[in-house]
Amino acid sequence: MAAMTVSLVNIDGSSAFDDSQQRVESLVAGHNRGRVKEDRFALRVTNTRDRFEIADELARPADLIHVMAHGASAGILTQQRIFNLITMRRYNIRVLKNYWKYLSVKPMAKCIFLDACTTFTSGWKRLLQETIPAGESVVFIGTTRKVHFDECEAYAELLYNELFTARPARAGRLTPHHFKTAHSQALVNYKKTEVFGAYHDVDEPHKSPFRLATIHGTATY
């Protein structure tokens, strides 16, 4: 059994997001090279604009769900419009919830990383709370503002590297505590990067846009 299963969902599919996706794939492949099966990280990659395929993948069991997209208003992720050749598509978390309820399935993950602009808001957190099953909780990582690709790539690389070195529990799996610890250490290292210095928030110059919270679910499925 792998130490962690990652579900990487690329909703946008543009070249910039594909590059970010490939960076994660390379990170995981590099970690797994030469390791025994029990030390390996399993990675599922979904690169699609199909709402049903996205909903199906997000309902599959995973330790970490890493979603790459453009963030819009609370509960909305979008695909970029490129010179009017691609019509912007909107993905509403409320629609996903209704689909899951219809199929009697539910999202199952220890940690959700919404790798998109401005996802760490009260509106997003409330909607996630209404999506996570009652009695369950999930570690949530989001962003407090508009973020650039190199910011997200730098933080994601540091987060994954911390998870790679985490010591699994006796059952051989990572726990919510591992994700919280990995995030905290990733932030320490992130603030030492040139990227942090280039894009730091003018109002909060010492704070990273990547924040963590524990979401306690209230949904019934």
N, C-alpha and C. Protein backbone atom coordinates (compact mmCIF):
# COMPACT_ATOMS: atom_id res chain seq x y z
N MET A 1 0.85 -1.19 0.00
CA MET A 1 0.00 0.00 0.00
C MET A 1 0.88 1.25 0.00
N ALA A 2 0.59 2.21 -0.86
CA ALA A 2 1.37 3.44 -0.95
C ALA A 2 1.17 4.29 0.30
N ALA A 3 2.17 5.11 0.62
CA ALA A 3 2.07 5.97 1.79
C ALA A 3 1.01 7.04 1.61
N MET A 4 0.77 7.46 0.38
CA MET A 4 -0.23 8.49 0.13
C MET A 4 -0.73 8.38 -1.30
N THR A 5 -2.03 8.61 -1.47
CA THR A 5 -2.62 8.68 -2.80
C THR A 5 -3.02 10.12 -3.09
N VAL A 6 -2.53 10.64 -4.20
CA VAL A 6 -2.82 12.01 -4.61
C VAL A 6 -3.71 11.98 -5.84
N SER A 7 -4.79 12.76 -5.80
CA SER A 7 -5.64 12.97 -6.96
C SER A 7 -5.39 14.38 -7.46
N LEU A 8 -4.72 14.51 -8.61
CA LEU A 8 -4.40 15.80 -9.20
C LEU A 8 -5.41 16.08 -10.31
N VAL A 9 -6.22 17.12 -10.15
CA VAL A 9 -7.29 17.43 -11.09
C VAL A 9 -7.01 18.77 -11.76
N ASN A 10 -6.70 18.74 -13.05
CA ASN A 10 -6.39 19.93 -13.83
C ASN A 10 -7.65 20.30 -14.62
N ILE A 11 -8.35 21.32 -14.17
CA ILE A 11 -9.62 21.71 -14.79
C ILE A 11 -9.40 22.62 -15.99
N ASP A 12 -8.33 23.41 -15.98
CA ASP A 12 -8.14 24.40 -17.03
C ASP A 12 -7.59 23.79 -18.31
N GLY A 13 -6.47 23.09 -18.22
CA GLY A 13 -5.92 22.44 -19.40
C GLY A 13 -5.14 23.33 -20.34
N SER A 14 -4.93 24.59 -19.97
CA SER A 14 -4.10 25.46 -20.80
C SER A 14 -2.63 25.08 -20.60
N SER A 15 -1.74 25.62 -21.44
CA SER A 15 -0.34 25.22 -21.38
C SER A 15 0.29 25.54 -20.02
N ALA A 16 -0.10 26.67 -19.43
CA ALA A 16 0.48 27.04 -18.13
C ALA A 16 0.08 26.04 -17.05
N PHE A 17 -1.19 25.64 -17.05
CA PHE A 17 -1.63 24.66 -16.06
C PHE A 17 -1.04 23.28 -16.36
N ASP A 18 -0.91 22.96 -17.63
CA ASP A 18 -0.29 21.68 -17.99
C ASP A 18 1.16 21.63 -17.51
N ASP A 19 1.87 22.76 -17.59
CA ASP A 19 3.24 22.82 -17.09
C ASP A 19 3.28 22.58 -15.59
N SER A 20 2.32 23.19 -14.86
CA SER A 20 2.26 22.99 -13.41
C SER A 20 1.94 21.54 -13.08
N GLN A 21 1.05 20.95 -13.87
CA GLN A 21 0.71 19.53 -13.68
C GLN A 21 1.94 18.66 -13.86
N GLN A 22 2.70 18.93 -14.91
CA GLN A 22 3.89 18.12 -15.19
C GLN A 22 4.95 18.26 -14.10
N ARG A 23 5.02 19.43 -13.47
CA ARG A 23 5.97 19.62 -12.36
C ARG A 23 5.62 18.69 -11.20
N VAL A 24 4.32 18.58 -10.90
CA VAL A 24 3.89 17.68 -9.82
C VAL A 24 4.17 16.23 -10.20
N GLU A 25 3.87 15.88 -11.45
CA GLU A 25 4.14 14.51 -11.89
C GLU A 25 5.62 14.18 -11.76
N SER A 26 6.48 15.12 -12.12
CA SER A 26 7.92 14.89 -12.03
C SER A 26 8.38 14.77 -10.58
N LEU A 27 7.79 15.59 -9.70
CA LEU A 27 8.13 15.51 -8.28
C LEU A 27 7.82 14.13 -7.72
N VAL A 28 6.61 13.64 -8.00
CA VAL A 28 6.19 12.34 -7.47
C VAL A 28 7.03 11.23 -8.08
N ALA A 29 7.27 11.31 -9.40
CA ALA A 29 8.07 10.28 -10.07
C ALA A 29 9.49 10.25 -9.50
N GLY A 30 10.05 11.43 -9.22
CA GLY A 30 11.39 11.49 -8.66
C GLY A 30 11.46 10.89 -7.27
N HIS A 31 10.42 11.13 -6.48
CA HIS A 31 10.39 10.56 -5.13
C HIS A 31 10.26 9.04 -5.19
N ASN A 32 9.43 8.56 -6.11
CA ASN A 32 9.16 7.12 -6.17
C ASN A 32 10.32 6.31 -6.75
N ARG A 33 11.20 6.95 -7.49
CA ARG A 33 12.27 6.23 -8.19
C ARG A 33 13.14 5.46 -7.21
N GLY A 34 13.18 4.16 -7.39
CA GLY A 34 14.05 3.32 -6.58
C GLY A 34 13.48 2.93 -5.23
N ARG A 35 12.25 3.33 -4.92
CA ARG A 35 11.68 3.02 -3.61
C ARG A 35 10.83 1.75 -3.67
N VAL A 36 10.68 1.11 -2.50
CA VAL A 36 9.81 -0.06 -2.43
C VAL A 36 8.37 0.41 -2.49
N LYS A 37 7.46 -0.51 -2.79
CA LYS A 37 6.07 -0.16 -3.01
C LYS A 37 5.45 0.57 -1.83
N GLU A 38 5.83 0.15 -0.60
CA GLU A 38 5.22 0.73 0.59
C GLU A 38 5.62 2.19 0.80
N ASP A 39 6.71 2.62 0.19
CA ASP A 39 7.17 4.00 0.34
C ASP A 39 6.69 4.92 -0.78
N ARG A 40 6.06 4.34 -1.74
CA ARG A 40 5.72 5.10 -2.94
C ARG A 40 4.46 5.94 -2.74
N PHE A 41 4.39 7.00 -3.52
CA PHE A 41 3.20 7.84 -3.55
C PHE A 41 2.43 7.54 -4.83
N ALA A 42 1.16 7.21 -4.69
CA ALA A 42 0.32 6.93 -5.86
C ALA A 42 -0.27 8.25 -6.37
N LEU A 43 -0.19 8.47 -7.68
CA LEU A 43 -0.69 9.71 -8.28
C LEU A 43 -1.69 9.39 -9.37
N ARG A 44 -2.91 9.94 -9.24
CA ARG A 44 -3.91 9.88 -10.30
C ARG A 44 -4.04 11.28 -10.90
N VAL A 45 -3.95 11.38 -12.21
CA VAL A 45 -4.05 12.68 -12.89
C VAL A 45 -5.30 12.71 -13.75
N THR A 46 -6.12 13.74 -13.55
CA THR A 46 -7.32 13.94 -14.35
C THR A 46 -7.22 15.31 -15.00
N ASN A 47 -7.10 15.35 -16.31
CA ASN A 47 -6.99 16.60 -17.06
C ASN A 47 -8.19 16.64 -18.00
N THR A 48 -9.25 17.33 -17.57
CA THR A 48 -10.50 17.29 -18.32
C THR A 48 -11.34 18.53 -18.05
N ARG A 49 -12.22 18.83 -18.98
CA ARG A 49 -13.18 19.90 -18.81
C ARG A 49 -14.60 19.33 -18.64
N ASP A 50 -14.71 18.03 -18.59
CA ASP A 50 -16.01 17.37 -18.48
C ASP A 50 -16.47 17.37 -17.01
N ARG A 51 -17.63 17.97 -16.74
CA ARG A 51 -18.10 18.11 -15.36
C ARG A 51 -18.30 16.78 -14.67
N PHE A 52 -18.81 15.80 -15.41
CA PHE A 52 -19.07 14.51 -14.79
C PHE A 52 -17.78 13.78 -14.47
N GLU A 53 -16.79 13.88 -15.35
CA GLU A 53 -15.50 13.26 -15.08
C GLU A 53 -14.83 13.91 -13.86
N ILE A 54 -14.95 15.23 -13.75
CA ILE A 54 -14.39 15.93 -12.60
C ILE A 54 -15.09 15.49 -11.31
N ALA A 55 -16.42 15.46 -11.34
CA ALA A 55 -17.19 15.06 -10.16
C ALA A 55 -16.87 13.63 -9.75
N ASP A 56 -16.75 12.74 -10.72
CA ASP A 56 -16.46 11.33 -10.43
C ASP A 56 -15.09 11.19 -9.77
N GLU A 57 -14.10 11.91 -10.29
CA GLU A 57 -12.75 11.80 -9.73
C GLU A 57 -12.69 12.39 -8.32
N LEU A 58 -13.37 13.50 -8.09
CA LEU A 58 -13.33 14.13 -6.78
C LEU A 58 -14.03 13.29 -5.71
N ALA A 59 -14.86 12.34 -6.14
CA ALA A 59 -15.55 11.46 -5.19
C ALA A 59 -14.79 10.16 -4.94
N ARG A 60 -13.68 9.97 -5.65
CA ARG A 60 -12.87 8.76 -5.43
C ARG A 60 -11.96 8.97 -4.21
N PRO A 61 -11.71 7.93 -3.44
CA PRO A 61 -10.86 8.07 -2.25
C PRO A 61 -9.45 8.54 -2.61
N ALA A 62 -8.96 9.50 -1.84
CA ALA A 62 -7.58 10.00 -2.01
C ALA A 62 -7.17 10.65 -0.70
N ASP A 63 -5.89 10.62 -0.40
CA ASP A 63 -5.41 11.32 0.79
C ASP A 63 -5.35 12.82 0.53
N LEU A 64 -4.88 13.19 -0.66
CA LEU A 64 -4.77 14.60 -1.04
C LEU A 64 -5.47 14.81 -2.38
N ILE A 65 -6.41 15.75 -2.41
CA ILE A 65 -7.01 16.19 -3.66
C ILE A 65 -6.41 17.56 -3.99
N HIS A 66 -5.73 17.64 -5.11
CA HIS A 66 -5.05 18.87 -5.54
C HIS A 66 -5.73 19.34 -6.82
N VAL A 67 -6.50 20.42 -6.73
CA VAL A 67 -7.27 20.93 -7.87
C VAL A 67 -6.58 22.17 -8.43
N MET A 68 -6.30 22.15 -9.73
CA MET A 68 -5.71 23.29 -10.42
C MET A 68 -6.77 23.94 -11.31
N ALA A 69 -6.99 25.24 -11.12
CA ALA A 69 -8.01 25.94 -11.91
C ALA A 69 -7.87 27.43 -11.68
N HIS A 70 -8.73 28.21 -12.32
CA HIS A 70 -8.87 29.62 -12.01
C HIS A 70 -9.98 29.77 -10.97
N GLY A 71 -9.74 30.58 -9.95
CA GLY A 71 -10.77 30.82 -8.95
C GLY A 71 -11.59 32.04 -9.31
N ALA A 72 -12.89 31.93 -9.07
CA ALA A 72 -13.79 33.07 -9.31
C ALA A 72 -14.47 33.39 -7.98
N SER A 73 -15.77 33.63 -8.00
CA SER A 73 -16.48 33.90 -6.76
C SER A 73 -16.59 32.61 -5.95
N ALA A 74 -17.05 32.74 -4.72
CA ALA A 74 -17.09 31.59 -3.82
C ALA A 74 -17.86 30.43 -4.44
N GLY A 75 -17.21 29.29 -4.45
CA GLY A 75 -17.85 28.07 -4.97
C GLY A 75 -17.70 27.89 -6.45
N ILE A 76 -16.99 28.79 -7.14
CA ILE A 76 -16.86 28.72 -8.59
C ILE A 76 -15.40 28.57 -9.00
N LEU A 77 -15.12 27.56 -9.82
CA LEU A 77 -13.84 27.43 -10.48
C LEU A 77 -14.08 27.56 -11.98
N THR A 78 -13.11 28.12 -12.70
CA THR A 78 -13.33 28.35 -14.13
C THR A 78 -12.16 27.87 -14.96
N GLN A 79 -12.47 27.72 -16.25
CA GLN A 79 -11.45 27.46 -17.26
C GLN A 79 -11.22 28.77 -18.00
N GLN A 80 -9.99 29.07 -18.33
CA GLN A 80 -9.63 30.33 -18.95
C GLN A 80 -10.17 30.45 -20.37
N ARG A 81 -10.58 31.67 -20.74
CA ARG A 81 -10.94 31.96 -22.12
C ARG A 81 -9.69 32.37 -22.88
N ILE A 82 -9.42 31.75 -24.00
CA ILE A 82 -8.20 32.04 -24.77
C ILE A 82 -8.60 32.57 -26.15
N PHE A 83 -8.47 33.89 -26.33
CA PHE A 83 -8.75 34.54 -27.61
C PHE A 83 -10.10 34.13 -28.19
N ASN A 84 -11.07 33.93 -27.29
CA ASN A 84 -12.44 33.57 -27.69
C ASN A 84 -12.53 32.23 -28.42
N LEU A 85 -11.44 31.47 -28.44
CA LEU A 85 -11.49 30.16 -29.08
C LEU A 85 -12.01 29.10 -28.10
N ILE A 86 -11.81 29.35 -26.83
CA ILE A 86 -12.33 28.45 -25.80
C ILE A 86 -13.32 29.24 -24.95
N THR A 87 -14.55 28.79 -24.91
CA THR A 87 -15.54 29.45 -24.08
C THR A 87 -15.29 29.12 -22.62
N MET A 88 -15.25 30.15 -21.79
CA MET A 88 -15.00 29.92 -20.37
C MET A 88 -16.09 29.05 -19.78
N ARG A 89 -15.70 28.00 -19.09
CA ARG A 89 -16.64 27.12 -18.42
C ARG A 89 -16.55 27.36 -16.92
N ARG A 90 -17.70 27.27 -16.27
CA ARG A 90 -17.77 27.49 -14.84
C ARG A 90 -18.16 26.19 -14.15
N TYR A 91 -17.48 25.91 -13.05
CA TYR A 91 -17.74 24.69 -12.30
C TYR A 91 -18.17 25.08 -10.90
N ASN A 92 -19.41 24.80 -10.58
CA ASN A 92 -20.00 25.24 -9.31
C ASN A 92 -20.00 24.07 -8.34
N ILE A 93 -19.43 24.29 -7.15
CA ILE A 93 -19.36 23.22 -6.17
C ILE A 93 -20.75 22.76 -5.74
N ARG A 94 -21.74 23.64 -5.83
CA ARG A 94 -23.10 23.24 -5.48
C ARG A 94 -23.63 22.18 -6.46
N VAL A 95 -23.27 22.32 -7.72
CA VAL A 95 -23.69 21.34 -8.73
C VAL A 95 -23.03 20.00 -8.45
N LEU A 96 -21.75 20.03 -8.09
CA LEU A 96 -21.06 18.79 -7.75
C LEU A 96 -21.73 18.10 -6.57
N LYS A 97 -22.09 18.88 -5.58
CA LYS A 97 -22.73 18.31 -4.39
C LYS A 97 -24.04 17.61 -4.76
N ASN A 98 -24.85 18.27 -5.59
CA ASN A 98 -26.12 17.66 -6.00
C ASN A 98 -25.89 16.38 -6.80
N TYR A 99 -24.87 16.37 -7.61
CA TYR A 99 -24.53 15.17 -8.40
C TYR A 99 -24.12 14.03 -7.48
N TRP A 100 -23.27 14.33 -6.49
CA TRP A 100 -22.85 13.31 -5.55
C TRP A 100 -24.04 12.77 -4.75
N LYS A 101 -24.94 13.67 -4.35
CA LYS A 101 -26.10 13.24 -3.57
C LYS A 101 -27.00 12.33 -4.40
N TYR A 102 -27.14 12.65 -5.67
CA TYR A 102 -27.97 11.84 -6.57
C TYR A 102 -27.39 10.43 -6.71
N LEU A 103 -26.06 10.33 -6.74
CA LEU A 103 -25.41 9.03 -6.91
C LEU A 103 -25.10 8.34 -5.58
N SER A 104 -25.46 9.00 -4.48
CA SER A 104 -25.20 8.46 -3.13
C SER A 104 -23.70 8.21 -2.92
N VAL A 105 -22.86 9.16 -3.40
CA VAL A 105 -21.43 9.10 -3.15
C VAL A 105 -21.03 10.39 -2.43
N LYS A 106 -19.81 10.45 -1.95
CA LYS A 106 -19.36 11.63 -1.22
C LYS A 106 -17.86 11.81 -1.42
N PRO A 107 -17.37 13.05 -1.31
CA PRO A 107 -15.92 13.27 -1.42
C PRO A 107 -15.22 12.66 -0.22
N MET A 108 -14.10 11.98 -0.48
CA MET A 108 -13.34 11.33 0.59
C MET A 108 -11.87 11.68 0.45
N ALA A 109 -11.38 12.55 1.34
CA ALA A 109 -9.98 12.96 1.31
C ALA A 109 -9.59 13.48 2.69
N LYS A 110 -8.32 13.39 3.01
CA LYS A 110 -7.83 13.97 4.26
C LYS A 110 -7.50 15.45 4.07
N CYS A 111 -7.08 15.81 2.83
CA CYS A 111 -6.68 17.18 2.56
C CYS A 111 -7.13 17.59 1.16
N ILE A 112 -7.65 18.82 1.04
CA ILE A 112 -8.03 19.39 -0.24
C ILE A 112 -7.23 20.67 -0.45
N PHE A 113 -6.50 20.73 -1.55
CA PHE A 113 -5.72 21.92 -1.91
C PHE A 113 -6.34 22.53 -3.15
N LEU A 114 -7.01 23.68 -2.98
CA LEU A 114 -7.59 24.39 -4.12
C LEU A 114 -6.54 25.37 -4.63
N ASP A 115 -5.82 24.94 -5.64
CA ASP A 115 -4.70 25.66 -6.23
C ASP A 115 -5.27 26.62 -7.27
N ALA A 116 -5.83 27.72 -6.78
CA ALA A 116 -6.51 28.71 -7.64
C ALA A 116 -6.55 30.02 -6.87
N CYS A 117 -6.92 31.08 -7.56
CA CYS A 117 -6.94 32.40 -6.92
C CYS A 117 -8.08 32.53 -5.91
N THR A 118 -7.78 33.11 -4.77
CA THR A 118 -8.75 33.56 -3.78
C THR A 118 -9.75 32.46 -3.39
N THR A 119 -9.23 31.33 -2.95
CA THR A 119 -10.10 30.23 -2.52
C THR A 119 -10.21 30.12 -1.00
N PHE A 120 -9.36 30.86 -0.26
CA PHE A 120 -9.42 30.80 1.20
C PHE A 120 -10.27 31.97 1.71
N THR A 121 -11.56 31.89 1.43
CA THR A 121 -12.50 32.93 1.84
C THR A 121 -13.58 32.30 2.71
N SER A 122 -14.32 33.13 3.42
CA SER A 122 -15.41 32.60 4.26
C SER A 122 -16.45 31.90 3.40
N GLY A 123 -16.70 32.44 2.20
CA GLY A 123 -17.67 31.82 1.30
C GLY A 123 -17.25 30.43 0.85
N TRP A 124 -15.99 30.29 0.45
CA TRP A 124 -15.47 28.99 0.04
C TRP A 124 -15.51 28.00 1.19
N LYS A 125 -15.06 28.45 2.36
CA LYS A 125 -15.02 27.54 3.51
C LYS A 125 -16.43 27.10 3.92
N ARG A 126 -17.39 27.99 3.83
CA ARG A 126 -18.77 27.62 4.17
C ARG A 126 -19.30 26.59 3.18
N LEU A 127 -19.03 26.78 1.89
CA LEU A 127 -19.51 25.84 0.88
C LEU A 127 -18.84 24.48 1.01
N LEU A 128 -17.56 24.47 1.34
CA LEU A 128 -16.88 23.20 1.57
C LEU A 128 -17.47 22.48 2.79
N GLN A 129 -17.78 23.25 3.82
CA GLN A 129 -18.41 22.67 5.00
C GLN A 129 -19.73 22.00 4.65
N GLU A 130 -20.47 22.62 3.72
CA GLU A 130 -21.76 22.06 3.30
C GLU A 130 -21.59 20.89 2.34
N THR A 131 -20.35 20.65 1.88
CA THR A 131 -20.07 19.56 0.95
C THR A 131 -19.48 18.34 1.65
N ILE A 132 -18.70 18.57 2.71
CA ILE A 132 -18.10 17.48 3.47
C ILE A 132 -19.17 16.82 4.33
N PRO A 133 -19.22 15.48 4.37
CA PRO A 133 -20.25 14.80 5.16
C PRO A 133 -20.20 15.18 6.64
N ALA A 134 -21.38 15.27 7.25
CA ALA A 134 -21.48 15.59 8.67
C ALA A 134 -20.72 14.56 9.50
N GLY A 135 -20.03 15.06 10.50
CA GLY A 135 -19.24 14.19 11.36
C GLY A 135 -17.84 13.93 10.86
N GLU A 136 -17.52 14.40 9.66
CA GLU A 136 -16.19 14.23 9.10
C GLU A 136 -15.52 15.59 8.95
N SER A 137 -14.22 15.58 8.82
CA SER A 137 -13.48 16.83 8.66
C SER A 137 -12.38 16.63 7.62
N VAL A 138 -11.92 17.74 7.06
CA VAL A 138 -10.87 17.69 6.05
C VAL A 138 -9.94 18.88 6.25
N VAL A 139 -8.66 18.68 6.00
CA VAL A 139 -7.71 19.78 6.01
C VAL A 139 -7.83 20.50 4.67
N PHE A 140 -8.01 21.81 4.74
CA PHE A 140 -8.21 22.61 3.52
C PHE A 140 -7.10 23.62 3.37
N ILE A 141 -6.50 23.67 2.19
CA ILE A 141 -5.47 24.67 1.86
C ILE A 141 -5.99 25.50 0.69
N GLY A 142 -6.01 26.81 0.87
CA GLY A 142 -6.47 27.70 -0.19
C GLY A 142 -5.61 28.95 -0.24
N THR A 143 -6.05 29.93 -1.01
CA THR A 143 -5.27 31.16 -1.19
C THR A 143 -6.10 32.38 -0.81
N THR A 144 -5.44 33.40 -0.30
CA THR A 144 -6.15 34.59 0.19
C THR A 144 -6.28 35.69 -0.86
N ARG A 145 -5.63 35.51 -2.01
CA ARG A 145 -5.64 36.57 -3.02
C ARG A 145 -5.35 35.96 -4.38
N LYS A 146 -5.27 36.83 -5.39
CA LYS A 146 -4.85 36.39 -6.71
C LYS A 146 -3.40 35.93 -6.61
N VAL A 147 -3.12 34.74 -7.15
CA VAL A 147 -1.77 34.19 -7.08
C VAL A 147 -1.24 33.91 -8.48
N HIS A 148 0.08 33.95 -8.61
CA HIS A 148 0.74 33.72 -9.89
C HIS A 148 1.20 32.26 -9.98
N PHE A 149 1.44 31.81 -11.19
CA PHE A 149 1.82 30.42 -11.39
C PHE A 149 3.10 30.05 -10.63
N ASP A 150 4.10 30.94 -10.68
CA ASP A 150 5.34 30.58 -10.00
C ASP A 150 5.19 30.54 -8.49
N GLU A 151 4.25 31.33 -7.94
CA GLU A 151 3.96 31.24 -6.51
C GLU A 151 3.39 29.86 -6.17
N CYS A 152 2.38 29.46 -6.93
CA CYS A 152 1.72 28.18 -6.68
C CYS A 152 2.67 27.01 -6.87
N GLU A 153 3.49 27.09 -7.90
CA GLU A 153 4.43 26.00 -8.17
C GLU A 153 5.47 25.89 -7.07
N ALA A 154 5.95 27.04 -6.58
CA ALA A 154 6.95 27.03 -5.51
C ALA A 154 6.37 26.44 -4.23
N TYR A 155 5.17 26.91 -3.86
CA TYR A 155 4.56 26.39 -2.63
C TYR A 155 4.24 24.90 -2.77
N ALA A 156 3.66 24.49 -3.90
CA ALA A 156 3.29 23.09 -4.10
C ALA A 156 4.51 22.18 -4.00
N GLU A 157 5.62 22.60 -4.60
CA GLU A 157 6.84 21.78 -4.55
C GLU A 157 7.32 21.61 -3.11
N LEU A 158 7.28 22.69 -2.34
CA LEU A 158 7.70 22.61 -0.94
C LEU A 158 6.75 21.74 -0.13
N LEU A 159 5.46 21.86 -0.38
CA LEU A 159 4.47 21.04 0.33
C LEU A 159 4.69 19.56 0.04
N TYR A 160 4.82 19.21 -1.23
CA TYR A 160 5.03 17.81 -1.60
C TYR A 160 6.33 17.28 -1.00
N ASN A 161 7.38 18.07 -1.03
CA ASN A 161 8.65 17.61 -0.48
C ASN A 161 8.54 17.32 1.01
N GLU A 162 7.77 18.15 1.72
CA GLU A 162 7.56 17.89 3.15
C GLU A 162 6.74 16.61 3.35
N LEU A 163 5.74 16.39 2.53
CA LEU A 163 4.94 15.17 2.64
C LEU A 163 5.77 13.94 2.31
N PHE A 164 6.71 14.07 1.37
CA PHE A 164 7.57 12.94 1.01
C PHE A 164 8.41 12.47 2.20
N THR A 165 8.77 13.41 3.07
CA THR A 165 9.65 13.07 4.20
C THR A 165 8.89 12.80 5.48
N ALA A 166 7.55 12.91 5.44
CA ALA A 166 6.74 12.67 6.64
C ALA A 166 6.81 11.20 7.04
N ARG A 167 6.69 10.96 8.32
CA ARG A 167 6.68 9.58 8.82
C ARG A 167 5.24 9.11 8.96
N PRO A 168 4.82 8.13 8.17
CA PRO A 168 3.43 7.67 8.24
C PRO A 168 3.11 7.05 9.60
N ALA A 169 1.80 6.99 9.88
CA ALA A 169 1.34 6.35 11.10
C ALA A 169 1.59 4.85 11.01
N ARG A 170 1.24 4.15 12.07
CA ARG A 170 1.48 2.71 12.09
C ARG A 170 0.80 1.99 10.93
N ALA A 171 -0.36 2.50 10.53
CA ALA A 171 -1.09 1.87 9.42
C ALA A 171 -0.41 2.14 8.08
N GLY A 172 0.64 2.97 8.08
CA GLY A 172 1.37 3.24 6.85
C GLY A 172 0.80 4.37 6.03
N ARG A 173 -0.18 5.11 6.57
CA ARG A 173 -0.82 6.19 5.83
C ARG A 173 -0.57 7.52 6.51
N LEU A 174 -0.57 8.58 5.72
CA LEU A 174 -0.47 9.91 6.28
C LEU A 174 -1.79 10.32 6.93
N THR A 175 -1.70 11.14 7.96
CA THR A 175 -2.87 11.59 8.70
C THR A 175 -3.06 13.10 8.50
N PRO A 176 -4.20 13.67 8.92
CA PRO A 176 -4.37 15.12 8.84
C PRO A 176 -3.23 15.88 9.52
N HIS A 177 -2.70 15.34 10.60
CA HIS A 177 -1.59 15.99 11.29
C HIS A 177 -0.39 16.14 10.37
N HIS A 178 -0.12 15.13 9.54
CA HIS A 178 1.01 15.21 8.61
C HIS A 178 0.84 16.37 7.63
N PHE A 179 -0.39 16.56 7.14
CA PHE A 179 -0.65 17.64 6.18
C PHE A 179 -0.48 19.01 6.84
N LYS A 180 -0.92 19.14 8.08
CA LYS A 180 -0.77 20.41 8.80
C LYS A 180 0.70 20.73 9.05
N THR A 181 1.45 19.71 9.47
CA THR A 181 2.87 19.91 9.71
C THR A 181 3.62 20.24 8.42
N ALA A 182 3.26 19.54 7.34
CA ALA A 182 3.90 19.78 6.04
C ALA A 182 3.63 21.21 5.57
N HIS A 183 2.41 21.67 5.75
CA HIS A 183 2.05 23.03 5.34
C HIS A 183 2.86 24.05 6.14
N SER A 184 2.94 23.85 7.46
CA SER A 184 3.67 24.80 8.31
C SER A 184 5.13 24.91 7.90
N GLN A 185 5.77 23.78 7.66
CA GLN A 185 7.18 23.81 7.28
C GLN A 185 7.36 24.34 5.86
N ALA A 186 6.40 24.03 4.98
CA ALA A 186 6.47 24.55 3.61
C ALA A 186 6.41 26.07 3.62
N LEU A 187 5.60 26.65 4.52
CA LEU A 187 5.51 28.11 4.60
C LEU A 187 6.83 28.71 5.09
N VAL A 188 7.46 28.05 6.06
CA VAL A 188 8.76 28.54 6.55
C VAL A 188 9.75 28.61 5.39
N ASN A 189 9.79 27.57 4.59
CA ASN A 189 10.73 27.53 3.46
C ASN A 189 10.30 28.45 2.32
N TYR A 190 8.98 28.58 2.14
CA TYR A 190 8.46 29.44 1.07
C TYR A 190 8.87 30.90 1.28
N LYS A 191 8.85 31.33 2.53
CA LYS A 191 9.19 32.72 2.83
C LYS A 191 10.67 33.03 2.60
N LYS A 192 11.47 32.00 2.36
CA LYS A 192 12.88 32.19 2.06
C LYS A 192 13.15 32.26 0.56
N THR A 193 12.11 32.07 -0.25
CA THR A 193 12.29 32.02 -1.70
C THR A 193 12.23 33.41 -2.32
N GLU A 194 12.79 33.52 -3.51
CA GLU A 194 12.71 34.78 -4.26
C GLU A 194 11.29 35.07 -4.68
N VAL A 195 10.51 34.02 -4.90
CA VAL A 195 9.12 34.20 -5.31
C VAL A 195 8.34 34.95 -4.24
N PHE A 196 8.53 34.58 -2.98
CA PHE A 196 7.82 35.26 -1.90
C PHE A 196 8.19 36.74 -1.86
N GLY A 197 9.46 37.03 -2.04
CA GLY A 197 9.88 38.41 -2.03
C GLY A 197 9.34 39.22 -3.19
N ALA A 198 9.10 38.55 -4.31
CA ALA A 198 8.61 39.24 -5.51
C ALA A 198 7.13 39.57 -5.44
N TYR A 199 6.36 38.71 -4.75
CA TYR A 199 4.90 38.86 -4.80
C TYR A 199 4.26 39.08 -3.44
N HIS A 200 5.02 39.37 -2.41
CA HIS A 200 4.42 39.46 -1.08
C HIS A 200 3.34 40.54 -1.04
N ASP A 201 2.37 40.32 -0.18
CA ASP A 201 1.22 41.22 -0.03
C ASP A 201 1.68 42.53 0.60
N VAL A 202 1.33 43.65 -0.02
CA VAL A 202 1.74 44.96 0.49
C VAL A 202 1.15 45.21 1.88
N ASP A 203 -0.11 44.80 2.09
CA ASP A 203 -0.77 45.02 3.37
C ASP A 203 -0.30 44.05 4.44
N GLU A 204 0.08 42.83 4.03
CA GLU A 204 0.57 41.82 4.97
C GLU A 204 1.87 41.23 4.43
N PRO A 205 2.95 42.01 4.45
CA PRO A 205 4.19 41.60 3.78
C PRO A 205 4.84 40.35 4.36
N HIS A 206 4.50 39.99 5.59
CA HIS A 206 5.14 38.85 6.22
C HIS A 206 4.28 37.58 6.14
N LYS A 207 3.16 37.67 5.45
CA LYS A 207 2.25 36.53 5.39
C LYS A 207 2.19 35.94 3.98
N SER A 208 2.08 34.64 3.91
CA SER A 208 1.94 33.93 2.64
C SER A 208 0.47 33.91 2.24
N PRO A 209 0.16 33.86 0.94
CA PRO A 209 -1.25 33.74 0.52
C PRO A 209 -1.81 32.34 0.72
N PHE A 210 -0.95 31.37 1.04
CA PHE A 210 -1.40 29.99 1.20
C PHE A 210 -1.75 29.74 2.67
N ARG A 211 -3.01 29.46 2.92
CA ARG A 211 -3.49 29.30 4.29
C ARG A 211 -4.16 27.94 4.47
N LEU A 212 -4.24 27.51 5.73
CA LEU A 212 -4.81 26.20 6.05
C LEU A 212 -5.88 26.34 7.11
N ALA A 213 -6.92 25.54 6.99
CA ALA A 213 -7.98 25.46 7.99
C ALA A 213 -8.53 24.04 8.00
N THR A 214 -9.11 23.66 9.12
CA THR A 214 -9.81 22.38 9.21
C THR A 214 -11.29 22.63 9.00
N ILE A 215 -11.87 21.97 8.01
CA ILE A 215 -13.28 22.13 7.68
C ILE A 215 -14.06 20.97 8.28
N HIS A 216 -15.05 21.28 9.10
CA HIS A 216 -15.90 20.26 9.71
C HIS A 216 -17.22 20.19 8.92
N GLY A 217 -17.48 19.04 8.36
CA GLY A 217 -18.62 18.90 7.45
C GLY A 217 -19.98 18.91 8.11
N THR A 218 -20.97 19.34 7.34
CA THR A 218 -22.36 19.35 7.80
C THR A 218 -23.31 18.70 6.80
N ALA A 219 -22.78 18.20 5.68
CA ALA A 219 -23.63 17.67 4.60
C ALA A 219 -24.18 16.29 4.94
N THR A 220 -25.34 15.98 4.40
CA THR A 220 -25.92 14.65 4.51
C THR A 220 -26.02 14.07 3.11
N TYR A 221 -25.56 12.83 2.94
CA TYR A 221 -25.57 12.18 1.63
C TYR A 221 -26.38 10.89 1.72
